[in-house]
PDB file of N, CA and C in Angstrom:
ATOM      1  N   MET A   1      50.722-134.718 -89.951  1.00  0.00           N
ATOM      2  CA  MET A   1      49.477-134.558 -89.060  1.00  0.00           C
ATOM      3  C   MET A   1      49.348-133.888 -88.354  1.00  0.00           C
ATOM      4  N   SER A   2      48.567-133.151 -88.226  1.00  0.00           N
ATOM      5  CA  SER A   2      48.934-132.271 -87.355  1.00  0.00           C
ATOM      6  C   SER A   2      47.961-133.004 -85.485  1.00  0.00           C
ATOM      7  N   LEU A   3      48.207-132.147 -84.897  1.00  0.00           N
ATOM      8  CA  LEU A   3      48.340-132.919 -83.205  1.00  0.00           C
ATOM      9  C   LEU A   3      46.434-133.117 -83.281  1.00  0.00           C
ATOM     10  N   LEU A   4      46.338-134.195 -82.979  1.00  0.00           N
ATOM     11  CA  LEU A   4      44.920-135.056 -82.537  1.00  0.00           C
ATOM     12  C   LEU A   4      44.315-134.810 -81.479  1.00  0.00           C
ATOM     13  N   LEU A   5      42.930-134.276 -81.785  1.00  0.00           N
ATOM     14  CA  LEU A   5      42.461-134.297 -80.024  1.00  0.00           C
ATOM     15  C   LEU A   5      41.858-135.280 -79.737  1.00  0.00           C
ATOM     16  N   PRO A   6      41.817-134.981 -78.087  1.00  0.00           N
ATOM     17  CA  PRO A   6      41.652-136.523 -77.787  1.00  0.00           C
ATOM     18  C   PRO A   6      40.382-137.593 -78.022  1.00  0.00           C
ATOM     19  N   GLU A   7      39.552-136.757 -78.365  1.00  0.00           N
ATOM     20  CA  GLU A   7      37.783-137.591 -79.010  1.00  0.00           C
ATOM     21  C   GLU A   7      38.383-137.835 -80.363  1.00  0.00           C
ATOM     22  N   GLU A   8      39.051-137.455 -80.905  1.00  0.00           N
ATOM     23  CA  GLU A   8      39.632-137.961 -82.389  1.00  0.00           C
ATOM     24  C   GLU A   8      40.465-139.116 -82.099  1.00  0.00           C
ATOM     25  N   ILE A   9      41.180-138.970 -80.724  1.00  0.00           N
ATOM     26  CA  ILE A   9      41.974-140.129 -81.002  1.00  0.00           C
ATOM     27  C   ILE A   9      41.281-141.561 -80.496  1.00  0.00           C
ATOM     28  N   GLN A  10      39.933-141.120 -80.321  1.00  0.00           N
ATOM     29  CA  GLN A  10      39.135-142.416 -79.241  1.00  0.00           C
ATOM     30  C   GLN A  10      38.485-142.674 -80.657  1.00  0.00           C
ATOM     31  N   LEU A  11      38.078-142.075 -81.623  1.00  0.00           N
ATOM     32  CA  LEU A  11      37.337-141.945 -82.887  1.00  0.00           C
ATOM     33  C   LEU A  11      38.077-142.930 -83.551  1.00  0.00           C
ATOM     34  N   ILE A  12      39.638-142.801 -83.596  1.00  0.00           N
ATOM     35  CA  ILE A  12      40.644-143.499 -84.314  1.00  0.00           C
ATOM     36  C   ILE A  12      40.899-145.209 -84.125  1.00  0.00           C
ATOM     37  N   ASN A  13      40.817-144.848 -82.641  1.00  0.00           N
ATOM     38  CA  ASN A  13      40.576-146.523 -81.844  1.00  0.00           C
ATOM     39  C   ASN A  13      39.641-146.814 -82.355  1.00  0.00           C
ATOM     40  N   LEU A  14      38.304-146.697 -82.321  1.00  0.00           N
ATOM     41  CA  LEU A  14      37.114-147.221 -82.738  1.00  0.00           C
ATOM     42  C   LEU A  14      37.244-147.494 -84.548  1.00  0.00           C
ATOM     43  N   GLU A  15      37.764-146.506 -84.889  1.00  0.00           N
ATOM     44  CA  GLU A  15      38.071-147.027 -86.305  1.00  0.00           C
ATOM     45  C   GLU A  15      39.032-148.344 -86.722  1.00  0.00           C
ATOM     46  N   GLU A  16      39.627-148.848 -85.422  1.00  0.00           N
ATOM     47  CA  GLU A  16      40.621-149.765 -85.819  1.00  0.00           C
ATOM     48  C   GLU A  16      41.843-149.304 -86.396  1.00  0.00           C
ATOM     49  N   ASP A  17      42.010-147.841 -86.265  1.00  0.00           N
ATOM     50  CA  ASP A  17      43.229-147.187 -87.534  1.00  0.00           C
ATOM     51  C   ASP A  17      44.159-147.575 -86.334  1.00  0.00           C
ATOM     52  N   LEU A  18      44.260-147.677 -85.250  1.00  0.00           N
ATOM     53  CA  LEU A  18      45.751-147.762 -84.509  1.00  0.00           C
ATOM     54  C   LEU A  18      45.923-148.991 -83.932  1.00  0.00           C
ATOM     55  N   ASP A  19      47.016-148.907 -83.782  1.00  0.00           N
ATOM     56  CA  ASP A  19      47.559-150.602 -82.954  1.00  0.00           C
ATOM     57  C   ASP A  19      48.532-150.714 -81.561  1.00  0.00           C
ATOM     58  N   GLU A  20      48.712-151.592 -81.032  1.00  0.00           N
ATOM     59  CA  GLU A  20      49.295-151.385 -79.877  1.00  0.00           C
ATOM     60  C   GLU A  20      50.351-150.704 -79.921  1.00  0.00           C
ATOM     61  N   ASN A  21      51.179-150.568 -80.932  1.00  0.00           N
ATOM     62  CA  ASN A  21      52.577-150.272 -81.388  1.00  0.00           C
ATOM     63  C   ASN A  21      52.573-148.563 -81.202  1.00  0.00           C
ATOM     64  N   ASN A  22      51.384-147.724 -81.045  1.00  0.00           N
ATOM     65  CA  ASN A  22      51.074-146.437 -81.488  1.00  0.00           C
ATOM     66  C   ASN A  22      51.527-145.965 -80.079  1.00  0.00           C
ATOM     67  N   GLY A  23      51.714-146.655 -79.061  1.00  0.00           N
ATOM     68  CA  GLY A  23      51.848-146.235 -77.468  1.00  0.00           C
ATOM     69  C   GLY A  23      50.986-145.259 -76.666  1.00  0.00           C
ATOM     70  N   TRP A  24      50.864-144.017 -76.430  1.00  0.00           N
ATOM     71  CA  TRP A  24      49.881-143.365 -75.664  1.00  0.00           C
ATOM     72  C   TRP A  24      48.098-143.286 -76.458  1.00  0.00           C
ATOM     73  N   TYR A  25      48.564-143.198 -77.971  1.00  0.00           N
ATOM     74  CA  TYR A  25      47.286-143.234 -78.539  1.00  0.00           C
ATOM     75  C   TYR A  25      46.362-144.337 -78.794  1.00  0.00           C
ATOM     76  N   TYR A  26      46.959-145.193 -78.527  1.00  0.00           N
ATOM     77  CA  TYR A  26      45.947-146.693 -78.717  1.00  0.00           C
ATOM     78  C   TYR A  26      45.330-147.360 -77.418  1.00  0.00           C
ATOM     79  N   VAL A  27      44.066-147.521 -77.711  1.00  0.00           N
ATOM     80  CA  VAL A  27      43.197-148.071 -76.579  1.00  0.00           C
ATOM     81  C   VAL A  27      42.381-148.943 -77.405  1.00  0.00           C
ATOM     82  N   PRO A  28      41.624-149.931 -76.448  1.00  0.00           N
ATOM     83  CA  PRO A  28      41.024-150.822 -77.297  1.00  0.00           C
ATOM     84  C   PRO A  28      39.709-150.529 -77.464  1.00  0.00           C
ATOM     85  N   ARG A  29      39.017-150.938 -78.379  1.00  0.00           N
ATOM     86  CA  ARG A  29      37.834-150.203 -79.036  1.00  0.00           C
ATOM     87  C   ARG A  29      36.589-150.148 -78.218  1.00  0.00           C
ATOM     88  N   ASP A  30      36.494-151.125 -76.669  1.00  0.00           N
ATOM     89  CA  ASP A  30      35.471-151.015 -75.815  1.00  0.00           C
ATOM     90  C   ASP A  30      35.839-149.758 -75.107  1.00  0.00           C
ATOM     91  N   GLU A  31      37.083-149.585 -74.868  1.00  0.00           N
ATOM     92  CA  GLU A  31      37.688-148.109 -74.035  1.00  0.00           C
ATOM     93  C   GLU A  31      37.424-147.319 -75.152  1.00  0.00           C
ATOM     94  N   ALA A  32      37.688-147.177 -76.343  1.00  0.00           N
ATOM     95  CA  ALA A  32      37.332-145.843 -76.847  1.00  0.00           C
ATOM     96  C   ALA A  32      35.948-145.345 -76.575  1.00  0.00           C
ATOM     97  N   VAL A  33      34.733-146.228 -76.846  1.00  0.00           N
ATOM     98  CA  VAL A  33      33.341-146.260 -76.904  1.00  0.00           C
ATOM     99  C   VAL A  33      33.358-145.727 -75.508  1.00  0.00           C
ATOM    100  N   GLN A  34      33.572-146.293 -74.418  1.00  0.00           N
ATOM    101  CA  GLN A  34      33.215-145.770 -73.301  1.00  0.00           C
ATOM    102  C   GLN A  34      33.932-144.080 -73.229  1.00  0.00           C
ATOM    103  N   LYS A  35      35.185-144.022 -73.411  1.00  0.00           N
ATOM    104  CA  LYS A  35      35.548-142.534 -73.419  1.00  0.00           C
ATOM    105  C   LYS A  35      34.545-141.481 -74.382  1.00  0.00           C
ATOM    106  N   LEU A  36      34.416-141.980 -75.817  1.00  0.00           N
ATOM    107  CA  LEU A  36      33.207-141.006 -76.124  1.00  0.00           C
ATOM    108  C   LEU A  36      32.285-140.418 -75.490  1.00  0.00           C
ATOM    109  N   LYS A  37      31.686-141.725 -74.789  1.00  0.00           N
ATOM    110  CA  LYS A  37      30.469-141.409 -73.846  1.00  0.00           C
ATOM    111  C   LYS A  37      30.230-140.529 -73.350  1.00  0.00           C
ATOM    112  N   GLN A  38      31.808-140.521 -72.271  1.00  0.00           N
ATOM    113  CA  GLN A  38      31.808-140.185 -71.421  1.00  0.00           C
ATOM    114  C   GLN A  38      32.051-138.431 -71.602  1.00  0.00           C
ATOM    115  N   SER A  39      32.907-138.689 -72.651  1.00  0.00           N
ATOM    116  CA  SER A  39      33.098-136.936 -72.803  1.00  0.00           C
ATOM    117  C   SER A  39      32.330-136.160 -73.634  1.00  0.00           C
ATOM    118  N   THR A  40      31.150-137.036 -74.326  1.00  0.00           N
ATOM    119  CA  THR A  40      30.362-136.685 -75.314  1.00  0.00           C
ATOM    120  C   THR A  40      28.565-136.432 -74.339  1.00  0.00           C
ATOM    121  N   GLY A  41      28.792-137.242 -73.861  1.00  0.00           N
ATOM    122  CA  GLY A  41      27.156-137.446 -73.771  1.00  0.00           C
ATOM    123  C   GLY A  41      26.436-138.282 -74.495  1.00  0.00           C
ATOM    124  N   GLN A  42      26.616-138.760 -75.187  1.00  0.00           N
ATOM    125  CA  GLN A  42      26.136-139.371 -76.543  1.00  0.00           C
ATOM    126  C   GLN A  42      26.336-140.907 -76.750  1.00  0.00           C
ATOM    127  N   ASP A  43      25.612-141.539 -77.455  1.00  0.00           N
ATOM    128  CA  ASP A  43      25.804-142.978 -77.259  1.00  0.00           C
ATOM    129  C   ASP A  43      25.550-143.620 -78.643  1.00  0.00           C
ATOM    130  N   PHE A  44      26.703-144.155 -79.590  1.00  0.00           N
ATOM    131  CA  PHE A  44      26.127-144.562 -81.098  1.00  0.00           C
ATOM    132  C   PHE A  44      27.011-146.097 -81.229  1.00  0.00           C
ATOM    133  N   GLY A  45      27.253-146.192 -79.574  1.00  0.00           N
ATOM    134  CA  GLY A  45      28.254-147.873 -79.554  1.00  0.00           C
ATOM    135  C   GLY A  45      29.201-148.017 -80.519  1.00  0.00           C
ATOM    136  N   ASN A  46      29.172-148.896 -81.409  1.00  0.00           N
ATOM    137  CA  ASN A  46      30.737-148.897 -82.292  1.00  0.00           C
ATOM    138  C   ASN A  46      30.764-148.502 -83.300  1.00  0.00           C
ATOM    139  N   ASP A  47      29.384-147.668 -83.473  1.00  0.00           N
ATOM    140  CA  ASP A  47      29.089-146.913 -85.112  1.00  0.00           C
ATOM    141  C   ASP A  47      30.107-146.235 -85.057  1.00  0.00           C
ATOM    142  N   ALA A  48      31.403-146.458 -86.036  1.00  0.00           N
ATOM    143  CA  ALA A  48      32.416-145.365 -86.218  1.00  0.00           C
ATOM    144  C   ALA A  48      31.940-143.962 -87.011  1.00  0.00           C
ATOM    145  N   ALA A  49      30.932-144.540 -87.697  1.00  0.00           N
ATOM    146  CA  ALA A  49      30.585-143.538 -88.677  1.00  0.00           C
ATOM    147  C   ALA A  49      29.999-142.195 -88.636  1.00  0.00           C
ATOM    148  N   LYS A  50      28.854-142.696 -87.286  1.00  0.00           N
ATOM    149  CA  LYS A  50      27.860-142.230 -86.693  1.00  0.00           C
ATOM    150  C   LYS A  50      28.916-141.294 -85.873  1.00  0.00           C
ATOM    151  N   TRP A  51      29.822-141.791 -85.160  1.00  0.00           N
ATOM    152  CA  TRP A  51      30.558-140.703 -84.078  1.00  0.00           C
ATOM    153  C   TRP A  51      31.032-139.953 -84.586  1.00  0.00           C
ATOM    154  N   ARG A  52      31.868-140.066 -86.023  1.00  0.00           N
ATOM    155  CA  ARG A  52      32.431-139.153 -86.910  1.00  0.00           C
ATOM    156  C   ARG A  52      31.343-137.824 -86.875  1.00  0.00           C
ATOM    157  N   THR A  53      30.379-138.407 -87.739  1.00  0.00           N
ATOM    158  CA  THR A  53      29.293-137.433 -88.253  1.00  0.00           C
ATOM    159  C   THR A  53      28.959-136.630 -87.351  1.00  0.00           C
ATOM    160  N   TRP A  54      28.751-137.001 -85.960  1.00  0.00           N
ATOM    161  CA  TRP A  54      28.339-136.223 -84.863  1.00  0.00           C
ATOM    162  C   TRP A  54      29.329-135.194 -84.186  1.00  0.00           C
ATOM    163  N   LEU A  55      30.763-135.831 -84.114  1.00  0.00           N
ATOM    164  CA  LEU A  55      31.919-134.986 -83.662  1.00  0.00           C
ATOM    165  C   LEU A  55      32.001-134.057 -84.512  1.00  0.00           C
ATOM    166  N   THR A  56      32.025-134.591 -86.028  1.00  0.00           N
ATOM    167  CA  THR A  56      32.269-133.196 -86.877  1.00  0.00           C
ATOM    168  C   THR A  56      31.304-132.309 -87.248  1.00  0.00           C
ATOM    169  N   LYS A  57      30.319-132.512 -86.889  1.00  0.00           N
ATOM    170  CA  LYS A  57      29.062-131.668 -86.708  1.00  0.00           C
ATOM    171  C   LYS A  57      28.891-130.727 -85.861  1.00  0.00           C
ATOM    172  N   GLU A  58      29.302-131.176 -84.713  1.00  0.00           N
ATOM    173  CA  GLU A  58      29.113-130.609 -83.292  1.00  0.00           C
ATOM    174  C   GLU A  58      30.452-129.742 -83.301  1.00  0.00           C
ATOM    175  N   GLY A  59      31.966-129.948 -84.014  1.00  0.00           N
ATOM    176  CA  GLY A  59      32.492-129.017 -83.941  1.00  0.00           C
ATOM    177  C   GLY A  59      33.660-129.627 -83.343  1.00  0.00           C
ATOM    178  N   ARG A  60      33.711-130.373 -82.604  1.00  0.00           N
ATOM    179  CA  ARG A  60      34.084-131.472 -81.428  1.00  0.00           C
ATOM    180  C   ARG A  60      35.759-132.013 -81.896  1.00  0.00           C
ATOM    181  N   ILE A  61      35.619-132.113 -83.303  1.00  0.00           N
ATOM    182  CA  ILE A  61      37.287-132.471 -84.270  1.00  0.00           C
ATOM    183  C   ILE A  61      36.907-132.164 -85.204  1.00  0.00           C
ATOM    184  N   PRO A  62      38.079-131.730 -85.809  1.00  0.00           N
ATOM    185  CA  PRO A  62      38.148-130.986 -87.513  1.00  0.00           C
ATOM    186  C   PRO A  62      37.919-132.425 -88.546  1.00  0.00           C
ATOM    187  N   GLN A  63      37.473-131.720 -89.560  1.00  0.00           N
ATOM    188  CA  GLN A  63      37.702-132.697 -91.313  1.00  0.00           C
ATOM    189  C   GLN A  63      39.551-132.613 -90.923  1.00  0.00           C
ATOM    190  N   ARG A  64      40.127-133.482 -92.310  1.00  0.00           N
ATOM    191  CA  ARG A  64      41.028-133.290 -92.392  1.00  0.00           C
ATOM    192  C   ARG A  64      41.554-133.257 -93.611  1.00  0.00           C
ATOM    193  N   ASP A  65      42.626-132.605 -94.311  1.00  0.00           N
ATOM    194  CA  ASP A  65      42.607-132.245 -95.582  1.00  0.00           C
ATOM    195  C   ASP A  65      43.284-133.276 -96.240  1.00  0.00           C
ATOM    196  N   HIS A  66      44.301-133.218 -97.086  1.00  0.00           N
ATOM    197  CA  HIS A  66      45.057-134.102 -97.749  1.00  0.00           C
ATOM    198  C   HIS A  66      46.081-134.740 -97.324  1.00  0.00           C
ATOM    199  N   LEU A  67      46.886-133.647 -96.403  1.00  0.00           N
ATOM    200  CA  LEU A  67      48.315-133.856 -95.865  1.00  0.00           C
ATOM    201  C   LEU A  67      47.613-133.594 -94.628  1.00  0.00           C
ATOM    202  N   GLY A  68      46.516-133.837 -93.704  1.00  0.00           N
ATOM    203  CA  GLY A  68      46.714-134.479 -92.114  1.00  0.00           C
ATOM    204  C   GLY A  68      45.922-133.334 -91.504  1.00  0.00           C
ATOM    205  N   ARG A  69      45.850-132.104 -92.403  1.00  0.00           N
ATOM    206  CA  ARG A  69      45.992-130.923 -91.301  1.00  0.00           C
ATOM    207  C   ARG A  69      44.464-130.554 -91.215  1.00  0.00           C
ATOM    208  N   ALA A  70      44.259-130.378 -89.984  1.00  0.00           N
ATOM    209  CA  ALA A  70      42.836-129.813 -89.393  1.00  0.00           C
ATOM    210  C   ALA A  70      42.236-128.955 -90.040  1.00  0.00           C
ATOM    211  N   VAL A  71      40.803-128.950 -90.809  1.00  0.00           N
ATOM    212  CA  VAL A  71      40.057-128.047 -91.080  1.00  0.00           C
ATOM    213  C   VAL A  71      38.657-128.228 -90.250  1.00  0.00           C
ATOM    214  N   TRP A  72      38.471-126.948 -89.831  1.00  0.00           N
ATOM    215  CA  TRP A  72      37.536-126.556 -88.947  1.00  0.00           C
ATOM    216  C   TRP A  72      36.206-126.076 -89.779  1.00  0.00           C
ATOM    217  N   SER A  73      35.267-126.911 -89.654  1.00  0.00           N
ATOM    218  CA  SER A  73      33.971-126.607 -90.443  1.00  0.00           C
ATOM    219  C   SER A  73      33.066-125.823 -89.294  1.00  0.00           C
ATOM    220  N   SER A  74      33.019-125.961 -88.066  1.00  0.00           N
ATOM    221  CA  SER A  74      32.101-124.847 -87.829  1.00  0.00           C
ATOM    222  C   SER A  74      32.885-125.271 -86.014  1.00  0.00           C
ATOM    223  N   ARG A  75      31.952-123.740 -85.338  1.00  0.00           N
ATOM    224  CA  ARG A  75      32.162-123.685 -83.304  1.00  0.00           C
ATOM    225  C   ARG A  75      33.646-123.643 -83.457  1.00  0.00           C
ATOM    226  N   ARG A  76      34.498-122.855 -84.198  1.00  0.00           N
ATOM    227  CA  ARG A  76      35.665-122.380 -83.962  1.00  0.00           C
ATOM    228  C   ARG A  76      35.857-121.073 -83.526  1.00  0.00           C
ATOM    229  N   ASP A  77      34.586-120.516 -82.665  1.00  0.00           N
ATOM    230  CA  ASP A  77      34.307-119.146 -82.596  1.00  0.00           C
ATOM    231  C   ASP A  77      34.827-119.339 -80.971  1.00  0.00           C
ATOM    232  N   ARG A  78      35.348-120.380 -80.736  1.00  0.00           N
ATOM    233  CA  ARG A  78      35.453-120.692 -78.738  1.00  0.00           C
ATOM    234  C   ARG A  78      36.993-119.521 -78.801  1.00  0.00           C
ATOM    235  N   THR A  79      36.590-119.072 -77.398  1.00  0.00           N
ATOM    236  CA  THR A  79      38.048-118.237 -77.424  1.00  0.00           C
ATOM    237  C   THR A  79      38.881-119.221 -76.648  1.00  0.00           C
ATOM    238  N   PRO A  80      40.251-118.598 -76.980  1.00  0.00           N
ATOM    239  CA  PRO A  80      41.469-119.396 -76.221  1.00  0.00           C
ATOM    240  C   PRO A  80      41.125-119.892 -74.435  1.00  0.00           C
ATOM    241  N   SER A  81      40.552-119.489 -73.753  1.00  0.00           N
ATOM    242  CA  SER A  81      40.208-119.807 -72.542  1.00  0.00           C
ATOM    243  C   SER A  81      39.063-120.940 -72.521  1.00  0.00           C
ATOM    244  N   GLU A  82      37.421-120.909 -73.170  1.00  0.00           N
ATOM    245  CA  GLU A  82      37.327-121.695 -73.069  1.00  0.00           C
ATOM    246  C   GLU A  82      37.651-123.064 -73.899  1.00  0.00           C
ATOM    247  N   SER A  83      38.188-123.001 -74.980  1.00  0.00           N
ATOM    248  CA  SER A  83      39.338-124.213 -75.364  1.00  0.00           C
ATOM    249  C   SER A  83      40.145-124.601 -74.294  1.00  0.00           C
ATOM    250  N   CYS A  84      40.503-124.265 -73.586  1.00  0.00           N
ATOM    251  CA  CYS A  84      41.384-124.921 -72.183  1.00  0.00           C
ATOM    252  C   CYS A  84      40.520-125.616 -71.682  1.00  0.00           C
ATOM    253  N   ARG A  85      39.220-124.796 -70.960  1.00  0.00           N
ATOM    254  CA  ARG A  85      37.933-125.374 -70.387  1.00  0.00           C
ATOM    255  C   ARG A  85      37.945-126.439 -70.633  1.00  0.00           C
ATOM    256  N   THR A  86      37.282-126.658 -71.723  1.00  0.00           N
ATOM    257  CA  THR A  86      36.948-127.966 -72.731  1.00  0.00           C
ATOM    258  C   THR A  86      37.822-129.228 -72.696  1.00  0.00           C
ATOM    259  N   PHE A  87      39.050-128.350 -72.908  1.00  0.00           N
ATOM    260  CA  PHE A  87      40.449-129.878 -72.925  1.00  0.00           C
ATOM    261  C   PHE A  87      40.539-130.104 -71.816  1.00  0.00           C
ATOM    262  N   ALA A  88      40.260-129.221 -70.394  1.00  0.00           N
ATOM    263  CA  ALA A  88      40.481-129.646 -69.171  1.00  0.00           C
ATOM    264  C   ALA A  88      39.353-130.625 -69.075  1.00  0.00           C
ATOM    265  N   ALA A  89      38.270-130.390 -69.096  1.00  0.00           N
ATOM    266  CA  ALA A  89      36.820-131.284 -68.474  1.00  0.00           C
ATOM    267  C   ALA A  89      37.718-132.279 -69.297  1.00  0.00           C
ATOM    268  N   LEU A  90      37.972-132.830 -70.086  1.00  0.00           N
ATOM    269  CA  LEU A  90      38.327-133.975 -71.123  1.00  0.00           C
ATOM    270  C   LEU A  90      39.284-134.635 -69.918  1.00  0.00           C
ATOM    271  N   LEU A  91      40.426-134.089 -69.070  1.00  0.00           N
ATOM    272  CA  LEU A  91      41.289-134.681 -68.711  1.00  0.00           C
ATOM    273  C   LEU A  91      40.479-134.998 -67.327  1.00  0.00           C
ATOM    274  N   THR A  92      39.935-134.298 -66.758  1.00  0.00           N
ATOM    275  CA  THR A  92      39.288-134.370 -65.323  1.00  0.00           C
ATOM    276  C   THR A  92      38.579-135.746 -65.646  1.00  0.00           C
ATOM    277  N   MET A  93      37.525-136.309 -66.704  1.00  0.00           N
ATOM    278  CA  MET A  93      37.143-137.460 -67.049  1.00  0.00           C
ATOM    279  C   MET A  93      37.815-138.685 -67.489  1.00  0.00           C
ATOM    280  N   ASP A  94      39.081-138.466 -67.699  1.00  0.00           N
ATOM    281  CA  ASP A  94      40.193-139.276 -67.974  1.00  0.00           C
ATOM    282  C   ASP A  94      39.867-139.862 -69.565  1.00  0.00           C
ATOM    283  N   ALA A  95      39.545-138.679 -70.159  1.00  0.00           N
ATOM    284  CA  ALA A  95      39.304-139.132 -71.697  1.00  0.00           C
ATOM    285  C   ALA A  95      40.502-138.193 -72.283  1.00  0.00           C
ATOM    286  N   ALA A  96      41.458-137.807 -71.764  1.00  0.00           N
ATOM    287  CA  ALA A  96      42.567-137.308 -72.094  1.00  0.00           C
ATOM    288  C   ALA A  96      43.682-137.596 -70.880  1.00  0.00           C
ATOM    289  N   THR A  97      44.718-137.694 -71.547  1.00  0.00           N
ATOM    290  CA  THR A  97      46.177-137.574 -70.472  1.00  0.00           C
ATOM    291  C   THR A  97      46.497-136.371 -70.557  1.00  0.00           C
ATOM    292  N   VAL A  98      47.054-136.430 -69.271  1.00  0.00           N
ATOM    293  CA  VAL A  98      48.220-135.138 -69.271  1.00  0.00           C
ATOM    294  C   VAL A  98      48.748-134.641 -69.891  1.00  0.00           C
ATOM    295  N   GLU A  99      49.660-135.788 -70.287  1.00  0.00           N
ATOM    296  CA  GLU A  99      50.407-135.160 -71.898  1.00  0.00           C
ATOM    297  C   GLU A  99      49.593-134.783 -73.312  1.00  0.00           C
ATOM    298  N   GLN A 100      48.281-135.436 -73.426  1.00  0.00           N
ATOM    299  CA  GLN A 100      47.605-134.900 -74.571  1.00  0.00           C
ATOM    300  C   GLN A 100      47.541-133.403 -73.795  1.00  0.00           C
ATOM    301  N   TYR A 101      46.990-132.862 -72.743  1.00  0.00           N
ATOM    302  CA  TYR A 101      46.471-132.105 -72.224  1.00  0.00           C
ATOM    303  C   TYR A 101      46.892-131.074 -72.403  1.00  0.00           C
ATOM    304  N   ALA A 102      48.630-130.927 -72.131  1.00  0.00           N
ATOM    305  CA  ALA A 102      49.524-130.290 -71.929  1.00  0.00           C
ATOM    306  C   ALA A 102      49.850-130.031 -73.967  1.00  0.00           C
ATOM    307  N   MET A 103      50.105-130.954 -74.911  1.00  0.00           N
ATOM    308  CA  MET A 103      50.222-130.624 -75.917  1.00  0.00           C
ATOM    309  C   MET A 103      49.271-129.857 -76.397  1.00  0.00           C
ATOM    310  N   LEU A 104      47.676-130.134 -75.993  1.00  0.00           N
ATOM    311  CA  LEU A 104      46.327-129.324 -76.915  1.00  0.00           C
ATOM    312  C   LEU A 104      46.491-127.948 -76.106  1.00  0.00           C
ATOM    313  N   VAL A 105      46.872-127.630 -74.886  1.00  0.00           N
ATOM    314  CA  VAL A 105      46.785-126.245 -74.438  1.00  0.00           C
ATOM    315  C   VAL A 105      47.898-125.242 -74.286  1.00  0.00           C
ATOM    316  N   THR A 106      49.093-126.114 -74.817  1.00  0.00           N
ATOM    317  CA  THR A 106      50.397-125.066 -74.532  1.00  0.00           C
ATOM    318  C   THR A 106      50.189-124.105 -75.877  1.00  0.00           C
ATOM    319  N   PRO A 107      49.925-124.574 -77.118  1.00  0.00           N
ATOM    320  CA  PRO A 107      50.042-123.789 -78.194  1.00  0.00           C
ATOM    321  C   PRO A 107      48.863-122.699 -78.140  1.00  0.00           C
ATOM    322  N   ILE A 108      47.740-122.936 -77.529  1.00  0.00           N
ATOM    323  CA  ILE A 108      46.743-122.028 -77.056  1.00  0.00           C
ATOM    324  C   ILE A 108      47.135-120.924 -76.557  1.00  0.00           C
ATOM    325  N   MET A 109      47.542-121.231 -75.374  1.00  0.00           N
ATOM    326  CA  MET A 109      48.090-120.344 -74.305  1.00  0.00           C
ATOM    327  C   MET A 109      48.632-119.606 -74.353  1.00  0.00           C
ATOM    328  N   VAL A 110      50.227-120.032 -75.809  1.00  0.00           N
ATOM    329  CA  VAL A 110      51.431-118.956 -75.743  1.00  0.00           C
ATOM    330  C   VAL A 110      51.057-118.202 -76.751  1.00  0.00           C
ATOM    331  N   SER A 111      49.955-118.552 -77.548  1.00  0.00           N
ATOM    332  CA  SER A 111      49.179-117.762 -78.918  1.00  0.00           C
ATOM    333  C   SER A 111      47.871-116.996 -78.150  1.00  0.00           C
ATOM    334  N   ALA A 112      47.832-116.652 -76.939  1.00  0.00           N
ATOM    335  CA  ALA A 112      46.751-116.198 -76.946  1.00  0.00           C
ATOM    336  C   ALA A 112      46.962-114.597 -76.776  1.00  0.00           C
ATOM    337  N   PRO A 113      46.195-114.016 -76.622  1.00  0.00           N
ATOM    338  CA  PRO A 113      46.411-112.168 -76.333  1.00  0.00           C
ATOM    339  C   PRO A 113      46.103-112.362 -74.344  1.00  0.00           C
ATOM    340  N   ASP A 114      46.775-111.762 -73.913  1.00  0.00           N
ATOM    341  CA  ASP A 114      47.034-111.663 -72.429  1.00  0.00           C
ATOM    342  C   ASP A 114      45.838-111.742 -71.955  1.00  0.00           C
ATOM    343  N   ALA A 115      44.614-111.094 -72.896  1.00  0.00           N
ATOM    344  CA  ALA A 115      43.615-110.410 -72.286  1.00  0.00           C
ATOM    345  C   ALA A 115      42.763-111.413 -72.337  1.00  0.00           C
ATOM    346  N   GLU A 116      42.955-112.289 -73.144  1.00  0.00           N
ATOM    347  CA  GLU A 116      41.529-113.522 -72.975  1.00  0.00           C
ATOM    348  C   GLU A 116      42.321-114.357 -72.668  1.00  0.00           C
ATOM    349  N   MET A 117      43.671-114.659 -71.906  1.00  0.00           N
ATOM    350  CA  MET A 117      44.059-115.629 -70.780  1.00  0.00           C
ATOM    351  C   MET A 117      43.894-115.532 -69.412  1.00  0.00           C
TER     352      MET A 117
END
């Protein structure tokens, strides 16, 4: 599976697909809901299906193919700097860790044209 985005990690925790042995990916369901509310401004409570539908529709998380690779269906027209700012906002809201931020933005920064960064 490719790298998971912070909101995708919270959703997986809400779906209870992770346990405490998953290291820094795991958070309790209540904390996952609070982080999703904080990062999105939405409130679907503990309804993981509604969260997944909204996050996918808004282009905030990808769909996954049978190998776990990200398949983006919308809103992939963000510039590299816009993507980095989005992830930085998640970091400042404590919706992502520094490690997650670094893992997300490093590939964006090294592959983006200099003019776009």
